[in-house]
């Protein structure tokens, strides 16, 4: 399977690593060949799952490729699992320049071709100024949470501090990273809450 992107200027870029390096805005993503088939075990696991987590990761070259496989997207849509998308904290140059949270969600829905691919989105609420400056210099900015647009889609918004607090020896960190521990706890308690509401 090969990842292929059609850019807004009509050009075609092939290969996962080449897509973000093109410096062009992505119009759509697809696979070559376009009829890739998943393992039956993967479909069974999705349909039997209690919880499905999409992300975090590069939207176009990490999260989306899984949903480009039609049977995978259909299984996620049909699964009775709770489905949550962990949105990126920063925009990614060459992939999501200028994207708000709703743009990430719309891109997932449009490529998967199913409206109910997720129930909720997890977004970051806290970002120290010291971490923003190096990213701005590289053309990356915090992803804006556009509440009204997300609410229109009927998707629950979960707002938490998601970043890793670890600092290097000089007391500073130059990277914005999701905290694995925080993600695990937040998603676990969200899932437990939803299960209690169901019962």
N, C-alpha and C. Protein backbone atom coordinates (compact mmCIF):
# COMPACT_ATOMS: atom_id res chain seq x y z
N UNK A 1 0.84 -1.19 0.00
CA UNK A 1 0.00 0.00 0.00
C UNK A 1 0.88 1.24 0.00
N UNK A 2 0.53 2.18 -0.84
CA UNK A 2 1.28 3.43 -0.94
C UNK A 2 0.34 4.60 -0.71
N UNK A 3 0.79 5.57 0.08
CA UNK A 3 -0.01 6.75 0.38
C UNK A 3 0.22 7.80 -0.72
N UNK A 4 -0.89 8.36 -1.23
CA UNK A 4 -0.80 9.34 -2.31
C UNK A 4 -1.66 10.55 -1.94
N UNK A 5 -1.15 11.75 -2.23
CA UNK A 5 -1.90 12.97 -1.96
C UNK A 5 -2.08 13.77 -3.23
N UNK A 6 -3.31 14.23 -3.43
CA UNK A 6 -3.57 15.21 -4.49
C UNK A 6 -3.54 16.58 -3.82
N UNK A 7 -2.70 17.47 -4.33
CA UNK A 7 -2.57 18.78 -3.73
C UNK A 7 -3.56 19.75 -4.37
N UNK A 8 -3.77 20.89 -3.74
CA UNK A 8 -4.75 21.84 -4.25
C UNK A 8 -4.38 22.41 -5.62
N UNK A 9 -3.09 22.37 -5.96
CA UNK A 9 -2.69 22.86 -7.29
C UNK A 9 -2.80 21.77 -8.36
N UNK A 10 -3.32 20.58 -7.97
CA UNK A 10 -3.52 19.50 -8.93
C UNK A 10 -2.38 18.51 -9.02
N UNK A 11 -1.25 18.83 -8.39
CA UNK A 11 -0.10 17.92 -8.44
C UNK A 11 -0.35 16.70 -7.55
N UNK A 12 0.34 15.61 -7.85
CA UNK A 12 0.23 14.36 -7.11
C UNK A 12 1.56 14.06 -6.43
N UNK A 13 1.51 13.81 -5.12
CA UNK A 13 2.71 13.47 -4.36
C UNK A 13 2.53 12.05 -3.81
N UNK A 14 3.53 11.20 -4.06
CA UNK A 14 3.45 9.81 -3.60
C UNK A 14 4.48 9.55 -2.50
N UNK A 15 4.04 8.82 -1.48
CA UNK A 15 4.94 8.44 -0.39
C UNK A 15 4.70 9.27 0.86
N UNK A 16 4.56 8.58 1.99
CA UNK A 16 4.24 9.22 3.26
C UNK A 16 5.20 10.34 3.63
N UNK A 17 6.50 10.10 3.47
CA UNK A 17 7.49 11.10 3.88
C UNK A 17 7.57 12.28 2.91
N UNK A 18 7.16 12.08 1.67
CA UNK A 18 7.24 13.16 0.68
C UNK A 18 6.09 14.16 0.79
N UNK A 19 4.96 13.73 1.31
CA UNK A 19 3.76 14.57 1.33
C UNK A 19 3.95 15.85 2.15
N UNK A 20 4.38 15.76 3.43
CA UNK A 20 4.54 17.01 4.19
C UNK A 20 5.69 17.87 3.70
N UNK A 21 6.64 17.28 2.99
CA UNK A 21 7.80 18.03 2.52
C UNK A 21 7.52 18.82 1.24
N UNK A 22 6.36 18.60 0.63
CA UNK A 22 6.05 19.27 -0.63
C UNK A 22 5.79 20.76 -0.45
N UNK A 23 5.37 21.16 0.77
CA UNK A 23 5.08 22.56 1.03
C UNK A 23 3.78 23.03 0.39
N UNK A 24 2.96 22.09 -0.08
CA UNK A 24 1.70 22.42 -0.73
C UNK A 24 0.52 21.98 0.14
N UNK A 25 -0.62 22.60 -0.08
CA UNK A 25 -1.82 22.26 0.70
C UNK A 25 -2.47 21.01 0.11
N UNK A 26 -2.83 20.08 1.00
CA UNK A 26 -3.41 18.81 0.58
C UNK A 26 -4.90 18.97 0.30
N UNK A 27 -5.33 18.47 -0.86
CA UNK A 27 -6.76 18.47 -1.21
C UNK A 27 -7.42 17.18 -0.76
N UNK A 28 -6.77 16.06 -1.06
CA UNK A 28 -7.31 14.77 -0.64
C UNK A 28 -6.19 13.74 -0.59
N UNK A 29 -6.45 12.71 0.18
CA UNK A 29 -5.49 11.63 0.37
C UNK A 29 -6.12 10.33 -0.10
N UNK A 30 -5.34 9.46 -0.72
CA UNK A 30 -5.85 8.15 -1.12
C UNK A 30 -4.71 7.14 -1.16
N UNK A 31 -5.08 5.88 -1.37
CA UNK A 31 -4.06 4.84 -1.39
C UNK A 31 -3.88 4.30 -2.80
N UNK A 32 -2.76 3.71 -3.00
CA UNK A 32 -2.43 3.05 -4.27
C UNK A 32 -1.94 1.64 -3.95
N UNK A 33 -2.71 0.59 -4.31
CA UNK A 33 -4.00 0.60 -5.01
C UNK A 33 -5.11 1.11 -4.10
N UNK A 34 -6.27 1.43 -4.71
CA UNK A 34 -7.35 2.04 -3.93
C UNK A 34 -8.27 1.02 -3.28
N UNK A 35 -8.04 -0.26 -3.51
CA UNK A 35 -8.92 -1.30 -2.96
C UNK A 35 -8.21 -2.18 -1.95
N UNK A 36 -7.40 -1.56 -1.09
CA UNK A 36 -6.66 -2.32 -0.08
C UNK A 36 -7.63 -3.02 0.86
N UNK A 37 -7.29 -4.23 1.22
CA UNK A 37 -8.15 -5.04 2.10
C UNK A 37 -7.46 -5.29 3.44
N UNK A 38 -8.19 -5.10 4.54
CA UNK A 38 -7.60 -5.35 5.86
C UNK A 38 -7.70 -6.83 6.22
N UNK A 39 -6.95 -7.22 7.24
CA UNK A 39 -7.07 -8.57 7.77
C UNK A 39 -8.42 -8.72 8.47
N UNK A 40 -9.01 -9.89 8.38
CA UNK A 40 -10.29 -10.14 9.06
C UNK A 40 -10.17 -9.93 10.56
N UNK A 41 -8.99 -10.26 11.10
CA UNK A 41 -8.77 -10.07 12.54
C UNK A 41 -8.89 -8.60 12.94
N UNK A 42 -8.44 -7.71 12.05
CA UNK A 42 -8.52 -6.28 12.34
C UNK A 42 -9.97 -5.82 12.39
N UNK A 43 -10.77 -6.28 11.44
CA UNK A 43 -12.19 -5.91 11.41
C UNK A 43 -12.90 -6.45 12.65
N UNK A 44 -12.62 -7.70 13.01
CA UNK A 44 -13.24 -8.30 14.19
C UNK A 44 -12.89 -7.53 15.45
N UNK A 45 -11.61 -7.13 15.56
CA UNK A 45 -11.17 -6.39 16.74
C UNK A 45 -11.89 -5.05 16.85
N UNK A 46 -12.07 -4.37 15.72
CA UNK A 46 -12.76 -3.08 15.72
C UNK A 46 -14.22 -3.25 16.12
N UNK A 47 -14.88 -4.25 15.55
CA UNK A 47 -16.30 -4.47 15.84
C UNK A 47 -16.53 -4.93 17.27
N UNK A 48 -15.54 -5.60 17.86
CA UNK A 48 -15.66 -6.09 19.24
C UNK A 48 -15.17 -5.09 20.28
N UNK A 49 -14.56 -4.00 19.84
CA UNK A 49 -13.93 -3.05 20.76
C UNK A 49 -14.95 -2.32 21.62
N UNK A 50 -14.54 -1.96 22.83
CA UNK A 50 -15.34 -1.11 23.71
C UNK A 50 -14.99 0.36 23.52
N UNK A 51 -13.75 0.60 23.08
CA UNK A 51 -13.25 1.97 22.94
C UNK A 51 -12.31 2.03 21.73
N UNK A 52 -12.51 3.04 20.89
CA UNK A 52 -11.63 3.26 19.74
C UNK A 52 -11.04 4.66 19.87
N UNK A 53 -9.70 4.74 19.82
CA UNK A 53 -8.99 6.01 19.97
C UNK A 53 -8.28 6.31 18.66
N UNK A 54 -8.56 7.48 18.09
CA UNK A 54 -7.85 7.94 16.89
C UNK A 54 -6.89 9.04 17.31
N UNK A 55 -5.61 8.88 16.95
CA UNK A 55 -4.61 9.88 17.31
C UNK A 55 -4.01 9.56 18.68
N UNK A 56 -3.12 10.45 19.15
CA UNK A 56 -2.60 11.60 18.43
C UNK A 56 -1.58 11.19 17.36
N UNK A 57 -1.34 12.09 16.43
CA UNK A 57 -0.37 11.82 15.38
C UNK A 57 -0.63 12.71 14.18
N UNK A 58 0.25 12.69 13.22
CA UNK A 58 0.08 13.50 12.01
C UNK A 58 -1.25 13.12 11.35
N UNK A 59 -2.08 14.12 11.11
CA UNK A 59 -3.43 13.86 10.60
C UNK A 59 -3.40 13.10 9.27
N UNK A 60 -2.68 13.63 8.31
CA UNK A 60 -2.71 13.05 6.96
C UNK A 60 -1.82 11.82 6.80
N UNK A 61 -0.72 11.77 7.49
CA UNK A 61 0.22 10.68 7.25
C UNK A 61 0.31 9.65 8.36
N UNK A 62 -0.51 9.81 9.42
CA UNK A 62 -0.50 8.83 10.51
C UNK A 62 -1.90 8.34 10.85
N UNK A 63 -2.83 9.29 11.10
CA UNK A 63 -4.18 8.91 11.52
C UNK A 63 -5.05 8.50 10.34
N UNK A 64 -5.08 9.33 9.31
CA UNK A 64 -5.99 9.11 8.18
C UNK A 64 -5.74 7.85 7.36
N UNK A 65 -4.50 7.46 7.12
CA UNK A 65 -4.27 6.28 6.25
C UNK A 65 -5.08 5.05 6.66
N UNK A 66 -5.29 4.85 7.94
CA UNK A 66 -6.08 3.70 8.40
C UNK A 66 -7.51 3.78 7.91
N UNK A 67 -8.08 5.00 7.90
CA UNK A 67 -9.47 5.18 7.52
C UNK A 67 -9.67 5.21 6.00
N UNK A 68 -8.58 5.25 5.25
CA UNK A 68 -8.69 5.20 3.79
C UNK A 68 -9.03 3.80 3.30
N UNK A 69 -8.79 2.83 4.15
CA UNK A 69 -9.17 1.45 3.81
C UNK A 69 -10.66 1.32 4.10
N UNK A 70 -11.45 1.18 3.06
CA UNK A 70 -12.92 1.28 3.16
C UNK A 70 -13.51 0.38 4.23
N UNK A 71 -13.04 -0.86 4.32
CA UNK A 71 -13.61 -1.80 5.29
C UNK A 71 -13.27 -1.40 6.73
N UNK A 72 -12.11 -0.77 6.91
CA UNK A 72 -11.73 -0.28 8.24
C UNK A 72 -12.65 0.86 8.65
N UNK A 73 -12.83 1.83 7.75
CA UNK A 73 -13.69 2.98 8.05
C UNK A 73 -15.12 2.52 8.34
N UNK A 74 -15.61 1.57 7.56
CA UNK A 74 -16.97 1.05 7.76
C UNK A 74 -17.08 0.36 9.11
N UNK A 75 -16.06 -0.41 9.47
CA UNK A 75 -16.08 -1.13 10.75
C UNK A 75 -16.07 -0.15 11.92
N UNK A 76 -15.24 0.90 11.83
CA UNK A 76 -15.20 1.92 12.89
C UNK A 76 -16.56 2.59 13.01
N UNK A 77 -17.16 2.94 11.88
CA UNK A 77 -18.47 3.57 11.89
C UNK A 77 -19.53 2.66 12.50
N UNK A 78 -19.49 1.38 12.16
CA UNK A 78 -20.52 0.43 12.63
C UNK A 78 -20.28 -0.08 14.04
N UNK A 79 -19.05 0.06 14.53
CA UNK A 79 -18.72 -0.43 15.86
C UNK A 79 -19.53 0.31 16.93
N UNK A 80 -19.97 -0.43 17.95
CA UNK A 80 -20.72 0.17 19.05
C UNK A 80 -19.77 0.76 20.11
N UNK A 81 -18.47 0.74 19.82
CA UNK A 81 -17.48 1.28 20.75
C UNK A 81 -17.64 2.79 20.90
N UNK A 82 -17.18 3.32 22.05
CA UNK A 82 -17.05 4.76 22.21
C UNK A 82 -15.84 5.18 21.35
N UNK A 83 -15.98 6.29 20.62
CA UNK A 83 -14.92 6.69 19.68
C UNK A 83 -14.46 8.11 20.00
N UNK A 84 -13.18 8.25 20.24
CA UNK A 84 -12.62 9.55 20.62
C UNK A 84 -11.41 9.87 19.74
N UNK A 85 -11.33 11.13 19.34
CA UNK A 85 -10.19 11.60 18.54
C UNK A 85 -9.34 12.52 19.40
N UNK A 86 -8.06 12.22 19.52
CA UNK A 86 -7.12 13.07 20.26
C UNK A 86 -6.49 14.03 19.25
N UNK A 87 -6.95 15.29 19.28
CA UNK A 87 -6.49 16.27 18.30
C UNK A 87 -5.07 16.72 18.61
N UNK A 88 -4.33 17.03 17.57
CA UNK A 88 -2.97 17.54 17.75
C UNK A 88 -3.00 18.87 18.49
N UNK A 89 -1.94 19.15 19.21
CA UNK A 89 -1.83 20.40 19.97
C UNK A 89 -1.37 21.54 19.08
N UNK A 90 -0.46 21.22 18.14
CA UNK A 90 0.09 22.22 17.23
C UNK A 90 -0.24 21.85 15.79
N UNK A 91 -0.33 22.87 14.92
CA UNK A 91 -0.47 22.60 13.49
C UNK A 91 0.85 22.03 12.98
N UNK A 92 0.77 21.29 11.89
CA UNK A 92 1.96 20.66 11.33
C UNK A 92 2.25 21.24 9.95
N UNK A 93 3.38 21.93 9.80
CA UNK A 93 3.73 22.52 8.51
C UNK A 93 3.69 21.48 7.40
N UNK A 94 3.07 21.84 6.29
CA UNK A 94 2.99 20.92 5.15
C UNK A 94 1.83 19.96 5.22
N UNK A 95 1.11 19.94 6.35
CA UNK A 95 -0.05 19.06 6.49
C UNK A 95 -1.30 19.81 6.95
N UNK A 96 -1.18 20.51 8.07
CA UNK A 96 -2.38 21.12 8.66
C UNK A 96 -2.21 22.61 8.93
N UNK A 97 -1.48 23.30 8.07
CA UNK A 97 -1.30 24.74 8.24
C UNK A 97 -2.65 25.45 8.34
N UNK A 98 -2.83 26.25 9.40
CA UNK A 98 -4.06 27.02 9.56
C UNK A 98 -5.26 26.22 10.01
N UNK A 99 -5.10 24.93 10.28
CA UNK A 99 -6.22 24.09 10.69
C UNK A 99 -6.67 24.39 12.12
N UNK A 100 -8.01 24.48 12.29
CA UNK A 100 -8.60 24.50 13.62
C UNK A 100 -9.02 23.08 13.96
N UNK A 101 -9.52 22.88 15.18
CA UNK A 101 -9.93 21.52 15.58
C UNK A 101 -11.01 21.00 14.63
N UNK A 102 -11.98 21.83 14.27
CA UNK A 102 -13.06 21.39 13.38
C UNK A 102 -12.53 20.96 12.02
N UNK A 103 -11.45 21.59 11.55
CA UNK A 103 -10.85 21.20 10.26
C UNK A 103 -10.27 19.79 10.34
N UNK A 104 -9.67 19.47 11.47
CA UNK A 104 -9.16 18.11 11.68
C UNK A 104 -10.31 17.10 11.62
N UNK A 105 -11.39 17.42 12.33
CA UNK A 105 -12.53 16.50 12.38
C UNK A 105 -13.18 16.35 11.00
N UNK A 106 -13.38 17.46 10.31
CA UNK A 106 -13.99 17.41 8.97
C UNK A 106 -13.14 16.59 8.00
N UNK A 107 -11.83 16.71 8.13
CA UNK A 107 -10.94 15.94 7.26
C UNK A 107 -11.08 14.45 7.52
N UNK A 108 -11.19 14.07 8.79
CA UNK A 108 -11.42 12.66 9.13
C UNK A 108 -12.73 12.16 8.54
N UNK A 109 -13.79 12.93 8.74
CA UNK A 109 -15.13 12.53 8.26
C UNK A 109 -15.16 12.45 6.74
N UNK A 110 -14.62 13.46 6.07
CA UNK A 110 -14.66 13.50 4.61
C UNK A 110 -13.89 12.36 3.97
N UNK A 111 -12.76 11.99 4.55
CA UNK A 111 -11.97 10.90 3.98
C UNK A 111 -12.56 9.53 4.33
N UNK A 112 -13.07 9.41 5.55
CA UNK A 112 -13.66 8.12 5.96
C UNK A 112 -15.01 7.91 5.29
N UNK A 113 -15.68 9.05 4.95
CA UNK A 113 -16.99 9.01 4.29
C UNK A 113 -18.11 8.54 5.23
N UNK A 114 -17.88 8.75 6.53
CA UNK A 114 -18.91 8.43 7.53
C UNK A 114 -18.99 9.57 8.54
N UNK A 115 -20.20 10.01 8.85
CA UNK A 115 -20.40 11.13 9.75
C UNK A 115 -20.11 10.77 11.21
N UNK A 116 -20.33 9.50 11.58
CA UNK A 116 -20.24 9.10 12.98
C UNK A 116 -18.93 8.36 13.28
N UNK A 117 -17.86 8.82 12.67
CA UNK A 117 -16.58 8.14 12.85
C UNK A 117 -16.01 8.40 14.25
N UNK A 118 -16.44 9.53 14.89
CA UNK A 118 -16.03 9.80 16.27
C UNK A 118 -17.22 10.38 17.04
N UNK A 119 -17.20 10.18 18.36
CA UNK A 119 -18.22 10.74 19.25
C UNK A 119 -17.71 11.98 19.97
N UNK A 120 -16.40 12.01 20.22
CA UNK A 120 -15.83 13.09 21.03
C UNK A 120 -14.43 13.45 20.53
N UNK A 121 -14.02 14.68 20.85
CA UNK A 121 -12.67 15.13 20.53
C UNK A 121 -12.01 15.62 21.81
N UNK A 122 -10.77 15.22 22.01
CA UNK A 122 -10.00 15.62 23.18
C UNK A 122 -9.01 16.70 22.75
N UNK A 123 -9.10 17.88 23.41
CA UNK A 123 -8.26 19.02 23.02
C UNK A 123 -7.47 19.55 24.21
N UNK A 124 -6.33 20.15 23.91
CA UNK A 124 -5.46 20.70 24.94
C UNK A 124 -5.91 22.10 25.34
N UNK A 125 -5.78 22.42 26.64
CA UNK A 125 -6.21 23.73 27.13
C UNK A 125 -5.07 24.59 27.65
N UNK A 126 -3.91 24.01 27.85
CA UNK A 126 -2.82 24.75 28.49
C UNK A 126 -1.54 24.61 27.68
N UNK A 127 -0.93 25.76 27.37
CA UNK A 127 0.31 25.73 26.60
C UNK A 127 1.19 26.90 27.02
N UNK A 128 2.27 26.63 27.77
CA UNK A 128 3.16 27.72 28.21
C UNK A 128 3.73 28.49 27.03
N UNK A 129 3.81 29.80 27.18
CA UNK A 129 4.30 30.67 26.11
C UNK A 129 5.70 30.28 25.66
N UNK A 130 6.49 29.79 26.58
CA UNK A 130 7.88 29.42 26.24
C UNK A 130 7.95 28.30 25.21
N UNK A 131 6.88 27.50 25.12
CA UNK A 131 6.87 26.40 24.17
C UNK A 131 6.36 26.82 22.79
N UNK A 132 5.65 27.95 22.74
CA UNK A 132 5.02 28.36 21.49
C UNK A 132 6.02 28.99 20.52
N UNK A 133 6.93 29.85 21.04
CA UNK A 133 7.84 30.62 20.18
C UNK A 133 8.65 29.78 19.20
N UNK A 134 9.31 28.69 19.65
CA UNK A 134 10.10 27.91 18.69
C UNK A 134 9.24 27.32 17.56
N UNK A 135 8.00 26.98 17.87
CA UNK A 135 7.10 26.42 16.86
C UNK A 135 6.68 27.48 15.85
N UNK A 136 6.40 28.69 16.34
CA UNK A 136 6.01 29.77 15.43
C UNK A 136 7.11 30.05 14.42
N UNK A 137 8.35 29.99 14.89
CA UNK A 137 9.49 30.21 13.99
C UNK A 137 9.56 29.15 12.91
N UNK A 138 9.01 27.97 13.18
CA UNK A 138 9.02 26.87 12.21
C UNK A 138 7.71 26.79 11.43
N UNK A 139 6.83 27.79 11.62
CA UNK A 139 5.57 27.81 10.88
C UNK A 139 4.47 26.98 11.49
N UNK A 140 4.57 26.72 12.79
CA UNK A 140 3.57 25.91 13.48
C UNK A 140 2.92 26.74 14.58
N UNK A 141 1.60 26.57 14.76
CA UNK A 141 0.88 27.34 15.78
C UNK A 141 -0.05 26.43 16.57
N UNK A 142 -0.48 26.87 17.77
CA UNK A 142 -1.45 26.06 18.53
C UNK A 142 -2.73 25.88 17.72
N UNK A 143 -3.29 24.69 17.77
CA UNK A 143 -4.55 24.41 17.08
C UNK A 143 -5.69 25.07 17.85
N UNK A 144 -6.44 25.94 17.17
CA UNK A 144 -7.53 26.68 17.81
C UNK A 144 -8.75 25.78 17.96
N UNK A 145 -9.36 25.84 19.15
CA UNK A 145 -10.59 25.08 19.40
C UNK A 145 -11.77 25.97 19.03
N UNK A 146 -12.40 25.72 17.89
CA UNK A 146 -13.55 26.52 17.45
C UNK A 146 -14.85 25.83 17.89
N UNK A 147 -15.25 26.14 19.11
CA UNK A 147 -16.34 25.45 19.80
C UNK A 147 -17.64 25.41 19.00
N UNK A 148 -18.04 26.55 18.46
CA UNK A 148 -19.32 26.62 17.75
C UNK A 148 -19.38 25.64 16.59
N UNK A 149 -18.31 25.59 15.81
CA UNK A 149 -18.29 24.72 14.63
C UNK A 149 -18.31 23.25 15.03
N UNK A 150 -17.59 22.91 16.09
CA UNK A 150 -17.56 21.52 16.57
C UNK A 150 -18.93 21.13 17.13
N UNK A 151 -19.54 22.03 17.89
CA UNK A 151 -20.87 21.75 18.45
C UNK A 151 -21.90 21.51 17.36
N UNK A 152 -21.78 22.23 16.24
CA UNK A 152 -22.70 22.03 15.11
C UNK A 152 -22.65 20.60 14.59
N UNK A 153 -21.49 19.98 14.73
CA UNK A 153 -21.31 18.61 14.23
C UNK A 153 -21.81 17.58 15.24
N UNK A 154 -22.22 18.03 16.42
CA UNK A 154 -22.73 17.11 17.43
C UNK A 154 -21.65 16.29 18.09
N UNK A 155 -20.44 16.83 18.13
CA UNK A 155 -19.31 16.09 18.71
C UNK A 155 -18.95 16.69 20.08
N UNK A 156 -18.84 15.84 21.07
CA UNK A 156 -18.49 16.27 22.42
C UNK A 156 -17.05 16.79 22.46
N UNK A 157 -16.84 17.88 23.17
CA UNK A 157 -15.51 18.46 23.32
C UNK A 157 -15.02 18.21 24.75
N UNK A 158 -13.87 17.57 24.89
CA UNK A 158 -13.26 17.34 26.19
C UNK A 158 -12.01 18.20 26.26
N UNK A 159 -11.98 19.14 27.21
CA UNK A 159 -10.87 20.07 27.33
C UNK A 159 -10.04 19.74 28.56
N UNK A 160 -8.76 19.46 28.34
CA UNK A 160 -7.88 19.13 29.46
C UNK A 160 -6.46 19.60 29.14
N UNK A 161 -5.66 19.70 30.19
CA UNK A 161 -4.23 19.94 29.99
C UNK A 161 -3.60 18.61 29.59
N UNK A 162 -3.13 18.52 28.36
CA UNK A 162 -2.64 17.25 27.83
C UNK A 162 -1.14 17.16 27.68
N UNK A 163 -0.43 18.28 27.91
CA UNK A 163 0.99 18.27 27.56
C UNK A 163 1.87 17.63 28.63
N UNK A 164 2.98 17.12 28.18
CA UNK A 164 3.98 16.53 29.05
C UNK A 164 4.68 17.65 29.80
N UNK A 165 4.78 17.54 31.13
CA UNK A 165 5.39 18.60 31.93
C UNK A 165 6.89 18.46 32.11
N UNK A 166 7.46 17.37 31.63
CA UNK A 166 8.89 17.14 31.83
C UNK A 166 9.72 18.25 31.17
N UNK A 167 10.77 18.66 31.83
CA UNK A 167 11.69 19.66 31.30
C UNK A 167 13.09 19.07 31.23
N UNK A 168 13.89 19.62 30.37
CA UNK A 168 15.28 19.20 30.30
C UNK A 168 16.05 19.79 31.48
N UNK A 169 17.32 19.46 31.60
CA UNK A 169 18.11 19.86 32.77
C UNK A 169 18.19 21.38 32.93
N UNK A 170 18.12 22.13 31.82
CA UNK A 170 18.21 23.58 31.92
C UNK A 170 16.87 24.21 32.32
N UNK A 171 15.87 23.35 32.57
CA UNK A 171 14.58 23.85 33.02
C UNK A 171 13.62 24.16 31.91
N UNK A 172 14.00 23.93 30.66
CA UNK A 172 13.13 24.24 29.54
C UNK A 172 12.96 23.02 28.64
N UNK A 173 11.87 23.01 27.92
CA UNK A 173 11.62 21.98 26.94
C UNK A 173 11.27 22.65 25.63
N UNK A 174 11.81 22.18 24.53
CA UNK A 174 11.55 22.81 23.24
C UNK A 174 10.48 22.05 22.46
N UNK A 175 9.90 21.02 23.07
CA UNK A 175 8.92 20.22 22.36
C UNK A 175 7.58 20.18 23.08
N UNK A 176 6.52 20.26 22.30
CA UNK A 176 5.17 20.09 22.83
C UNK A 176 4.78 18.65 22.58
N UNK A 177 4.53 17.92 23.65
CA UNK A 177 4.20 16.50 23.53
C UNK A 177 2.99 16.16 24.40
N UNK A 178 2.15 15.26 23.90
CA UNK A 178 1.08 14.73 24.75
C UNK A 178 1.70 13.90 25.87
N UNK A 179 1.15 14.03 27.05
CA UNK A 179 1.57 13.20 28.17
C UNK A 179 0.83 11.87 28.08
N UNK A 180 1.55 10.76 27.89
CA UNK A 180 0.88 9.45 27.81
C UNK A 180 0.04 9.15 29.05
N UNK A 181 0.57 9.49 30.22
CA UNK A 181 -0.15 9.23 31.46
C UNK A 181 -1.45 10.02 31.54
N UNK A 182 -1.39 11.29 31.21
CA UNK A 182 -2.59 12.12 31.25
C UNK A 182 -3.62 11.65 30.22
N UNK A 183 -3.16 11.34 29.03
CA UNK A 183 -4.08 10.85 28.00
C UNK A 183 -4.80 9.60 28.48
N UNK A 184 -4.05 8.67 29.03
CA UNK A 184 -4.63 7.40 29.49
C UNK A 184 -5.69 7.65 30.56
N UNK A 185 -5.37 8.50 31.54
CA UNK A 185 -6.32 8.76 32.63
C UNK A 185 -7.58 9.47 32.13
N UNK A 186 -7.39 10.49 31.29
CA UNK A 186 -8.53 11.27 30.80
C UNK A 186 -9.46 10.40 29.97
N UNK A 187 -8.89 9.62 29.08
CA UNK A 187 -9.72 8.77 28.22
C UNK A 187 -10.40 7.68 29.03
N UNK A 188 -9.69 7.12 29.99
CA UNK A 188 -10.27 6.08 30.85
C UNK A 188 -11.49 6.61 31.60
N UNK A 189 -11.33 7.79 32.24
CA UNK A 189 -12.44 8.33 33.02
C UNK A 189 -13.58 8.81 32.13
N UNK A 190 -13.28 9.30 30.94
CA UNK A 190 -14.34 9.67 29.99
C UNK A 190 -15.14 8.43 29.60
N UNK A 191 -14.43 7.35 29.33
CA UNK A 191 -15.10 6.10 28.95
C UNK A 191 -15.97 5.58 30.10
N UNK A 192 -15.45 5.60 31.32
CA UNK A 192 -16.22 5.14 32.48
C UNK A 192 -17.48 5.98 32.66
N UNK A 193 -17.35 7.29 32.47
CA UNK A 193 -18.50 8.18 32.60
C UNK A 193 -19.58 7.82 31.56
N UNK A 194 -19.16 7.58 30.34
CA UNK A 194 -20.10 7.25 29.27
C UNK A 194 -20.80 5.91 29.55
N UNK A 195 -20.07 4.97 30.09
CA UNK A 195 -20.66 3.68 30.43
C UNK A 195 -21.71 3.83 31.53
N UNK A 196 -21.42 4.69 32.53
CA UNK A 196 -22.37 4.91 33.61
C UNK A 196 -23.63 5.60 33.09
N UNK A 197 -23.44 6.56 32.18
CA UNK A 197 -24.59 7.25 31.60
C UNK A 197 -25.49 6.29 30.81
N UNK A 198 -24.86 5.31 30.18
CA UNK A 198 -25.59 4.33 29.37
C UNK A 198 -26.45 3.44 30.26
N UNK A 199 -25.91 3.14 31.44
CA UNK A 199 -26.63 2.25 32.36
C UNK A 199 -27.59 3.04 33.25
